[in-house]
Amino acid sequence: MLDFIYRHPANQALARQATPRGRALMDACLTTPAPRAVRNRCRLLADEIDSVCIRNPRAEILSLACGHLREAEHSAALGAGTFKRFLAMDQDLESLAMVARDHGPLGIKAQTGSVKTVITHGAAELGSFDFIYAAGLYDYLSDRVGVRLLNTLFSMLKPGGKVWIANFAPNIDDAGFMEAIMDWWLIYRDAIALRTMADNVFADLENVTSVQTFEETERNVVFLEAVKA
């Protein structure tokens, strides 16, 4: 589905097989706020990966619930190999097989893992990172699990490292269509909700340089960023 949203070449053959009415319906669905937000999110992640790797060509990065890792295709740094380690983790074996096939030659490692894996094992097994991000995972996590995971991810950062988590905002126009027609139910959070979650993690920590929220250009996905001292 995300590859349809990205208009990725991997799905072009399938799109051509659709009827004219089907293609028109798909084109209409791909121009609404949610798909646009997904594409904006992808570009923001690619830009941040490049920024991290420009500052530190030996950067270590973790993408949690990586899916097909399409942001890698927009990253000049990953294409040039200007990083030390990139770990792409997901519990979907088919997605990981695609990541290994498409991005393994760049030095990106695909690894099976889940939220439980990270919370249970953390840095002891996965190591530490300069940048950790979860693009779509928090749309499905309760506050309780989200807080525990954020605490673990922050503990896995190197000094000066940062973590990004993204969440669809509750005021997005597509929500009714997604729930009523697609039976697709997300856990929506605005900036206040993400900051409340962050307060439950960082309130008593002294090794936090900054905590902030920001949005993609159309304000339908909210990001939380925390930087370690």
C-alpha atoms as a PDB file:
ATOM      1  CA  MET A   1       0.000   0.000   0.000  1.00  0.00           C
ATOM      2  CA  LEU A   2       2.765   2.428   0.887  1.00  0.00           C
ATOM      3  CA  ASP A   3       4.408   1.779  -2.460  1.00  0.00           C
ATOM      4  CA  PHE A   4       1.177   2.859  -4.151  1.00  0.00           C
ATOM      5  CA  ILE A   5       1.251   6.000  -1.994  1.00  0.00           C
ATOM      6  CA  TYR A   6       4.869   6.618  -2.988  1.00  0.00           C
ATOM      7  CA  ARG A   7       3.985   5.915  -6.645  1.00  0.00           C
ATOM      8  CA  HIS A   8       6.945   3.586  -6.529  1.00  0.00           C
ATOM      9  CA  PRO A   9       8.112   1.761  -9.684  1.00  0.00           C
ATOM     10  CA  ALA A  10       7.645  -1.556  -7.879  1.00  0.00           C
ATOM     11  CA  ASN A  11       3.873  -1.123  -8.231  1.00  0.00           C
ATOM     12  CA  GLN A  12       3.667   0.322 -11.738  1.00  0.00           C
ATOM     13  CA  ALA A  13       2.825  -3.017 -13.350  1.00  0.00           C
ATOM     14  CA  LEU A  14      -0.052  -3.536 -10.924  1.00  0.00           C
ATOM     15  CA  ALA A  15      -1.326  -0.020 -11.538  1.00  0.00           C
ATOM     16  CA  ARG A  16      -1.331  -0.592 -15.290  1.00  0.00           C
ATOM     17  CA  GLN A  17      -3.498  -3.681 -14.817  1.00  0.00           C
ATOM     18  CA  ALA A  18      -6.277  -1.638 -13.214  1.00  0.00           C
ATOM     19  CA  THR A  19      -9.303  -0.481 -15.170  1.00  0.00           C
ATOM     20  CA  PRO A  20      -9.498   3.198 -16.154  1.00  0.00           C
ATOM     21  CA  ARG A  21     -12.003   3.721 -13.361  1.00  0.00           C
ATOM     22  CA  GLY A  22      -9.677   1.949 -10.919  1.00  0.00           C
ATOM     23  CA  ARG A  23      -6.721   4.105 -11.928  1.00  0.00           C
ATOM     24  CA  ALA A  24      -8.836   7.239 -11.590  1.00  0.00           C
ATOM     25  CA  LEU A  25      -9.928   6.159  -8.119  1.00  0.00           C
ATOM     26  CA  MET A  26      -6.325   5.466  -7.129  1.00  0.00           C
ATOM     27  CA  ASP A  27      -5.149   8.823  -8.468  1.00  0.00           C
ATOM     28  CA  ALA A  28      -7.860  10.564  -6.449  1.00  0.00           C
ATOM     29  CA  CYS A  29      -6.976   8.677  -3.271  1.00  0.00           C
ATOM     30  CA  LEU A  30      -3.276   9.470  -3.615  1.00  0.00           C
ATOM     31  CA  THR A  31      -3.840  13.229  -3.609  1.00  0.00           C
ATOM     32  CA  THR A  32      -5.605  13.467  -0.229  1.00  0.00           C
ATOM     33  CA  PRO A  33      -3.830  14.766   2.909  1.00  0.00           C
ATOM     34  CA  ALA A  34      -2.776  11.402   4.390  1.00  0.00           C
ATOM     35  CA  PRO A  35      -0.851  10.130   1.346  1.00  0.00           C
ATOM     36  CA  ARG A  36       0.722  13.547   0.872  1.00  0.00           C
ATOM     37  CA  ALA A  37       1.793  13.472   4.519  1.00  0.00           C
ATOM     38  CA  VAL A  38       3.366  10.041   4.071  1.00  0.00           C
ATOM     39  CA  ARG A  39       5.409  11.317   1.134  1.00  0.00           C
ATOM     40  CA  ASN A  40       6.413  14.429   3.059  1.00  0.00           C
ATOM     41  CA  ARG A  41       7.426  12.263   6.010  1.00  0.00           C
ATOM     42  CA  CYS A  42       9.598  10.122   3.768  1.00  0.00           C
ATOM     43  CA  ARG A  43      11.456  13.145   2.398  1.00  0.00           C
ATOM     44  CA  LEU A  44      11.990  14.625   5.863  1.00  0.00           C
ATOM     45  CA  LEU A  45      13.525  11.371   7.055  1.00  0.00           C
ATOM     46  CA  ALA A  46      15.832  11.161   4.045  1.00  0.00           C
ATOM     47  CA  ASP A  47      16.952  14.756   4.597  1.00  0.00           C
ATOM     48  CA  GLU A  48      17.666  14.092   8.269  1.00  0.00           C
ATOM     49  CA  ILE A  49      19.627  10.937   7.466  1.00  0.00           C
ATOM     50  CA  ASP A  50      21.754  13.008   5.095  1.00  0.00           C
ATOM     51  CA  SER A  51      22.193  15.734   7.696  1.00  0.00           C
ATOM     52  CA  VAL A  52      23.308  13.240  10.345  1.00  0.00           C
ATOM     53  CA  CYS A  53      25.761  11.568   7.970  1.00  0.00           C
ATOM     54  CA  ILE A  54      27.194  14.860   6.740  1.00  0.00           C
ATOM     55  CA  ARG A  55      28.002  15.833  10.323  1.00  0.00           C
ATOM     56  CA  ASN A  56      29.332  12.368  11.097  1.00  0.00           C
ATOM     57  CA  PRO A  57      30.344  10.058   8.229  1.00  0.00           C
ATOM     58  CA  ARG A  58      30.734   7.301  10.847  1.00  0.00           C
ATOM     59  CA  ALA A  59      27.125   7.614  11.984  1.00  0.00           C
ATOM     60  CA  GLU A  60      25.136   4.625  13.190  1.00  0.00           C
ATOM     61  CA  ILE A  61      21.399   4.737  12.475  1.00  0.00           C
ATOM     62  CA  LEU A  62      18.416   2.590  13.447  1.00  0.00           C
ATOM     63  CA  SER A  63      15.100   2.571  11.591  1.00  0.00           C
ATOM     64  CA  LEU A  64      12.483   0.809  13.724  1.00  0.00           C
ATOM     65  CA  ALA A  65       9.483  -0.711  11.908  1.00  0.00           C
ATOM     66  CA  CYS A  66      11.302   0.162   8.699  1.00  0.00           C
ATOM     67  CA  GLY A  67       8.834  -1.313   6.177  1.00  0.00           C
ATOM     68  CA  HIS A  68      10.371  -1.137   2.706  1.00  0.00           C
ATOM     69  CA  LEU A  69      12.712   1.677   3.839  1.00  0.00           C
ATOM     70  CA  ARG A  70      11.827   3.820   0.832  1.00  0.00           C
ATOM     71  CA  GLU A  71      13.425   6.900   2.413  1.00  0.00           C
ATOM     72  CA  ALA A  72      16.768   5.247   1.684  1.00  0.00           C
ATOM     73  CA  GLU A  73      16.192   5.846  -2.028  1.00  0.00           C
ATOM     74  CA  HIS A  74      16.072   9.609  -1.403  1.00  0.00           C
ATOM     75  CA  SER A  75      19.205   9.716   0.760  1.00  0.00           C
ATOM     76  CA  ALA A  76      22.422  10.790  -0.934  1.00  0.00           C
ATOM     77  CA  ALA A  77      24.445   9.713   2.114  1.00  0.00           C
ATOM     78  CA  LEU A  78      23.161   6.158   2.066  1.00  0.00           C
ATOM     79  CA  GLY A  79      23.727   5.935  -1.669  1.00  0.00           C
ATOM     80  CA  ALA A  80      27.301   7.127  -1.217  1.00  0.00           C
ATOM     81  CA  GLY A  81      27.961   4.879   1.764  1.00  0.00           C
ATOM     82  CA  THR A  82      28.919   7.749   4.071  1.00  0.00           C
ATOM     83  CA  PHE A  83      27.828   5.996   7.254  1.00  0.00           C
ATOM     84  CA  LYS A  84      29.199   3.326   9.554  1.00  0.00           C
ATOM     85  CA  ARG A  85      26.088   1.251  10.271  1.00  0.00           C
ATOM     86  CA  PHE A  86      22.447   1.349   9.293  1.00  0.00           C
ATOM     87  CA  LEU A  87      20.127  -1.169  10.950  1.00  0.00           C
ATOM     88  CA  ALA A  88      16.655  -1.579   9.428  1.00  0.00           C
ATOM     89  CA  MET A  89      14.402  -3.503  11.814  1.00  0.00           C
ATOM     90  CA  ASP A  90      10.923  -4.868  11.238  1.00  0.00           C
ATOM     91  CA  GLN A  91       8.856  -7.928  12.164  1.00  0.00           C
ATOM     92  CA  ASP A  92       7.602  -8.379   8.587  1.00  0.00           C
ATOM     93  CA  LEU A  93       9.883 -10.865   6.870  1.00  0.00           C
ATOM     94  CA  GLU A  94       8.741  -9.930   3.359  1.00  0.00           C
ATOM     95  CA  SER A  95       9.567  -6.281   3.969  1.00  0.00           C
ATOM     96  CA  LEU A  96      12.973  -7.211   5.346  1.00  0.00           C
ATOM     97  CA  ALA A  97      13.674  -9.414   2.332  1.00  0.00           C
ATOM     98  CA  MET A  98      12.955  -6.432   0.081  1.00  0.00           C
ATOM     99  CA  VAL A  99      15.179  -4.159   2.172  1.00  0.00           C
ATOM    100  CA  ALA A 100      17.995  -6.703   2.015  1.00  0.00           C
ATOM    101  CA  ARG A 101      17.617  -7.085  -1.733  1.00  0.00           C
ATOM    102  CA  ASP A 102      17.307  -3.393  -2.590  1.00  0.00           C
ATOM    103  CA  HIS A 103      19.518  -1.791   0.047  1.00  0.00           C
ATOM    104  CA  GLY A 104      21.776  -4.549   1.332  1.00  0.00           C
ATOM    105  CA  PRO A 105      24.414  -3.744  -1.320  1.00  0.00           C
ATOM    106  CA  LEU A 106      24.658  -0.242   0.206  1.00  0.00           C
ATOM    107  CA  GLY A 107      25.649  -1.741   3.544  1.00  0.00           C
ATOM    108  CA  ILE A 108      22.215  -1.535   5.169  1.00  0.00           C
ATOM    109  CA  LYS A 109      21.461  -4.497   7.428  1.00  0.00           C
ATOM    110  CA  ALA A 110      17.914  -5.876   7.633  1.00  0.00           C
ATOM    111  CA  GLN A 111      17.105  -7.477  10.965  1.00  0.00           C
ATOM    112  CA  THR A 112      13.996  -9.122  12.376  1.00  0.00           C
ATOM    113  CA  GLY A 113      12.688  -7.413  15.485  1.00  0.00           C
ATOM    114  CA  SER A 114       9.687  -5.868  17.176  1.00  0.00           C
ATOM    115  CA  VAL A 115       8.838  -3.339  19.860  1.00  0.00           C
ATOM    116  CA  LYS A 116       9.153  -6.138  22.401  1.00  0.00           C
ATOM    117  CA  THR A 117      12.595  -7.021  21.048  1.00  0.00           C
ATOM    118  CA  VAL A 118      13.838  -3.471  21.510  1.00  0.00           C
ATOM    119  CA  ILE A 119      12.313  -2.947  24.961  1.00  0.00           C
ATOM    120  CA  THR A 120      13.616  -6.297  26.187  1.00  0.00           C
ATOM    121  CA  HIS A 121      17.132  -6.205  24.777  1.00  0.00           C
ATOM    122  CA  GLY A 122      17.875  -2.567  23.896  1.00  0.00           C
ATOM    123  CA  ALA A 123      21.469  -1.489  23.541  1.00  0.00           C
ATOM    124  CA  ALA A 124      22.770  -4.702  25.085  1.00  0.00           C
ATOM    125  CA  GLU A 125      22.103  -6.538  21.820  1.00  0.00           C
ATOM    126  CA  LEU A 126      21.517  -3.797  19.264  1.00  0.00           C
ATOM    127  CA  GLY A 127      24.256  -1.355  20.224  1.00  0.00           C
ATOM    128  CA  SER A 128      24.100   2.431  20.347  1.00  0.00           C
ATOM    129  CA  PHE A 129      23.185   4.898  17.630  1.00  0.00           C
ATOM    130  CA  ASP A 130      23.548   8.492  16.493  1.00  0.00           C
ATOM    131  CA  PHE A 131      20.035   8.632  15.044  1.00  0.00           C
ATOM    132  CA  ILE A 132      17.014   6.443  15.764  1.00  0.00           C
ATOM    133  CA  TYR A 133      13.650   6.933  14.133  1.00  0.00           C
ATOM    134  CA  ALA A 134      10.232   5.302  13.983  1.00  0.00           C
ATOM    135  CA  ALA A 135       8.220   6.682  11.080  1.00  0.00           C
ATOM    136  CA  GLY A 136       4.814   4.992  11.350  1.00  0.00           C
ATOM    137  CA  LEU A 137       5.060   2.808  14.426  1.00  0.00           C
ATOM    138  CA  TYR A 138       3.566   5.167  16.997  1.00  0.00           C
ATOM    139  CA  ASP A 139       0.300   5.356  15.051  1.00  0.00           C
ATOM    140  CA  TYR A 140      -0.373   1.895  16.512  1.00  0.00           C
ATOM    141  CA  LEU A 141       1.117   2.104  20.026  1.00  0.00           C
ATOM    142  CA  SER A 142      -0.698   2.899  23.248  1.00  0.00           C
ATOM    143  CA  ASP A 143       0.684   5.655  25.452  1.00  0.00           C
ATOM    144  CA  ARG A 144       1.965   3.078  27.944  1.00  0.00           C
ATOM    145  CA  VAL A 145       3.943   1.112  25.361  1.00  0.00           C
ATOM    146  CA  GLY A 146       4.979   4.278  23.556  1.00  0.00           C
ATOM    147  CA  VAL A 147       6.514   5.739  26.719  1.00  0.00           C
ATOM    148  CA  ARG A 148       8.411   2.528  27.491  1.00  0.00           C
ATOM    149  CA  LEU A 149       9.734   2.330  23.941  1.00  0.00           C
ATOM    150  CA  LEU A 150      10.755   5.995  23.832  1.00  0.00           C
ATOM    151  CA  ASN A 151      12.636   5.564  27.091  1.00  0.00           C
ATOM    152  CA  THR A 152      14.479   2.557  25.657  1.00  0.00           C
ATOM    153  CA  LEU A 153      15.275   4.266  22.354  1.00  0.00           C
ATOM    154  CA  PHE A 154      16.686   7.284  24.158  1.00  0.00           C
ATOM    155  CA  SER A 155      18.875   5.010  26.285  1.00  0.00           C
ATOM    156  CA  MET A 156      20.288   3.550  23.053  1.00  0.00           C
ATOM    157  CA  LEU A 157      21.532   6.919  21.799  1.00  0.00           C
ATOM    158  CA  LYS A 158      25.165   7.939  21.851  1.00  0.00           C
ATOM    159  CA  PRO A 159      26.011  11.330  23.387  1.00  0.00           C
ATOM    160  CA  GLY A 160      24.757  13.955  20.944  1.00  0.00           C
ATOM    161  CA  GLY A 161      22.424  11.457  19.267  1.00  0.00           C
ATOM    162  CA  LYS A 162      18.777  12.076  18.541  1.00  0.00           C
ATOM    163  CA  VAL A 163      15.553  10.112  18.299  1.00  0.00           C
ATOM    164  CA  TRP A 164      12.574  10.955  16.093  1.00  0.00           C
ATOM    165  CA  ILE A 165       9.103   9.489  16.441  1.00  0.00           C
ATOM    166  CA  ALA A 166       6.297  10.444  14.073  1.00  0.00           C
ATOM    167  CA  ASN A 167       2.539  10.342  14.589  1.00  0.00           C
ATOM    168  CA  PHE A 168      -0.455  11.246  12.451  1.00  0.00           C
ATOM    169  CA  ALA A 169      -2.256  14.308  13.802  1.00  0.00           C
ATOM    170  CA  PRO A 170      -5.885  13.938  14.950  1.00  0.00           C
ATOM    171  CA  ASN A 171      -7.283  16.684  12.724  1.00  0.00           C
ATOM    172  CA  ILE A 172      -6.380  15.039   9.419  1.00  0.00           C
ATOM    173  CA  ASP A 173      -9.246  15.173   6.914  1.00  0.00           C
ATOM    174  CA  ASP A 174      -8.792  11.552   5.806  1.00  0.00           C
ATOM    175  CA  ALA A 175      -9.598  10.032   9.203  1.00  0.00           C
ATOM    176  CA  GLY A 176     -13.288   9.463   8.442  1.00  0.00           C
ATOM    177  CA  PHE A 177     -12.558   7.777   5.118  1.00  0.00           C
ATOM    178  CA  MET A 178      -9.812   5.636   6.639  1.00  0.00           C
ATOM    179  CA  GLU A 179     -12.008   4.426   9.476  1.00  0.00           C
ATOM    180  CA  ALA A 180     -15.397   4.094   7.774  1.00  0.00           C
ATOM    181  CA  ILE A 181     -14.314   2.806   4.355  1.00  0.00           C
ATOM    182  CA  MET A 182     -10.932   1.185   4.941  1.00  0.00           C
ATOM    183  CA  ASP A 183     -11.492  -0.035   8.535  1.00  0.00           C
ATOM    184  CA  TRP A 184      -8.078   1.445   9.283  1.00  0.00           C
ATOM    185  CA  TRP A 185      -7.850   2.808  12.813  1.00  0.00           C
ATOM    186  CA  LEU A 186      -4.822   4.791  13.938  1.00  0.00           C
ATOM    187  CA  ILE A 187      -3.912   6.253  17.301  1.00  0.00           C
ATOM    188  CA  TYR A 188      -3.692   9.960  16.534  1.00  0.00           C
ATOM    189  CA  ARG A 189      -1.589  12.390  18.587  1.00  0.00           C
ATOM    190  CA  ASP A 190      -0.990  16.105  18.352  1.00  0.00           C
ATOM    191  CA  ALA A 191       2.063  17.977  19.591  1.00  0.00           C
ATOM    192  CA  ILE A 192       0.644  18.293  23.102  1.00  0.00           C
ATOM    193  CA  ALA A 193       0.076  14.539  23.348  1.00  0.00           C
ATOM    194  CA  LEU A 194       3.612  13.817  22.157  1.00  0.00           C
ATOM    195  CA  ARG A 195       5.071  16.318  24.601  1.00  0.00           C
ATOM    196  CA  THR A 196       3.067  14.703  27.412  1.00  0.00           C
ATOM    197  CA  MET A 197       4.526  11.353  26.431  1.00  0.00           C
ATOM    198  CA  ALA A 198       7.998  12.896  26.393  1.00  0.00           C
ATOM    199  CA  ASP A 199       7.471  14.436  29.833  1.00  0.00           C
ATOM    200  CA  ASN A 200       6.838  10.958  31.212  1.00  0.00           C
ATOM    201  CA  VAL A 201      10.252   9.902  29.890  1.00  0.00           C
ATOM    202  CA  PHE A 202      12.503  12.934  30.227  1.00  0.00           C
ATOM    203  CA  ALA A 203      11.178  14.841  33.235  1.00  0.00           C
ATOM    204  CA  ASP A 204      13.738  13.370  35.636  1.00  0.00           C
ATOM    205  CA  LEU A 205      16.617  12.854  33.204  1.00  0.00           C
ATOM    206  CA  GLU A 206      19.631  15.149  33.204  1.00  0.00           C
ATOM    207  CA  ASN A 207      21.194  13.972  29.952  1.00  0.00           C
ATOM    208  CA  VAL A 208      18.626  15.595  27.639  1.00  0.00           C
ATOM    209  CA  THR A 209      19.834  18.510  25.540  1.00  0.00           C
ATOM    210  CA  SER A 210      16.494  19.332  23.939  1.00  0.00           C
ATOM    211  CA  VAL A 211      12.988  18.026  23.352  1.00  0.00           C
ATOM    212  CA  GLN A 212      10.842  19.572  20.640  1.00  0.00           C
ATOM    213  CA  THR A 213       7.978  18.854  18.290  1.00  0.00           C
ATOM    214  CA  PHE A 214       7.567  19.894  14.676  1.00  0.00           C
ATOM    215  CA  GLU A 215       5.333  19.032  11.723  1.00  0.00           C
ATOM    216  CA  GLU A 216       5.719  18.131   8.100  1.00  0.00           C
ATOM    217  CA  THR A 217       4.829  20.935   5.711  1.00  0.00           C
ATOM    218  CA  GLU A 218       1.078  20.227   5.615  1.00  0.00           C
ATOM    219  CA  ARG A 219       0.864  19.700   9.389  1.00  0.00           C
ATOM    220  CA  ASN A 220      -0.725  16.258   9.231  1.00  0.00           C
ATOM    221  CA  VAL A 221       2.188  14.342  10.757  1.00  0.00           C
ATOM    222  CA  VAL A 222       3.773  15.488  13.991  1.00  0.00           C
ATOM    223  CA  PHE A 223       7.342  14.606  14.958  1.00  0.00           C
ATOM    224  CA  LEU A 224       8.885  14.447  18.405  1.00  0.00           C
ATOM    225  CA  GLU A 225      12.653  14.953  18.591  1.00  0.00           C
ATOM    226  CA  ALA A 226      14.789  14.325  21.657  1.00  0.00           C
ATOM    227  CA  VAL A 227      18.538  14.990  21.694  1.00  0.00           C
ATOM    228  CA  LYS A 228      20.907  13.370  24.186  1.00  0.00           C
ATOM    229  CA  ALA A 229      23.556  15.394  25.963  1.00  0.00           C
END
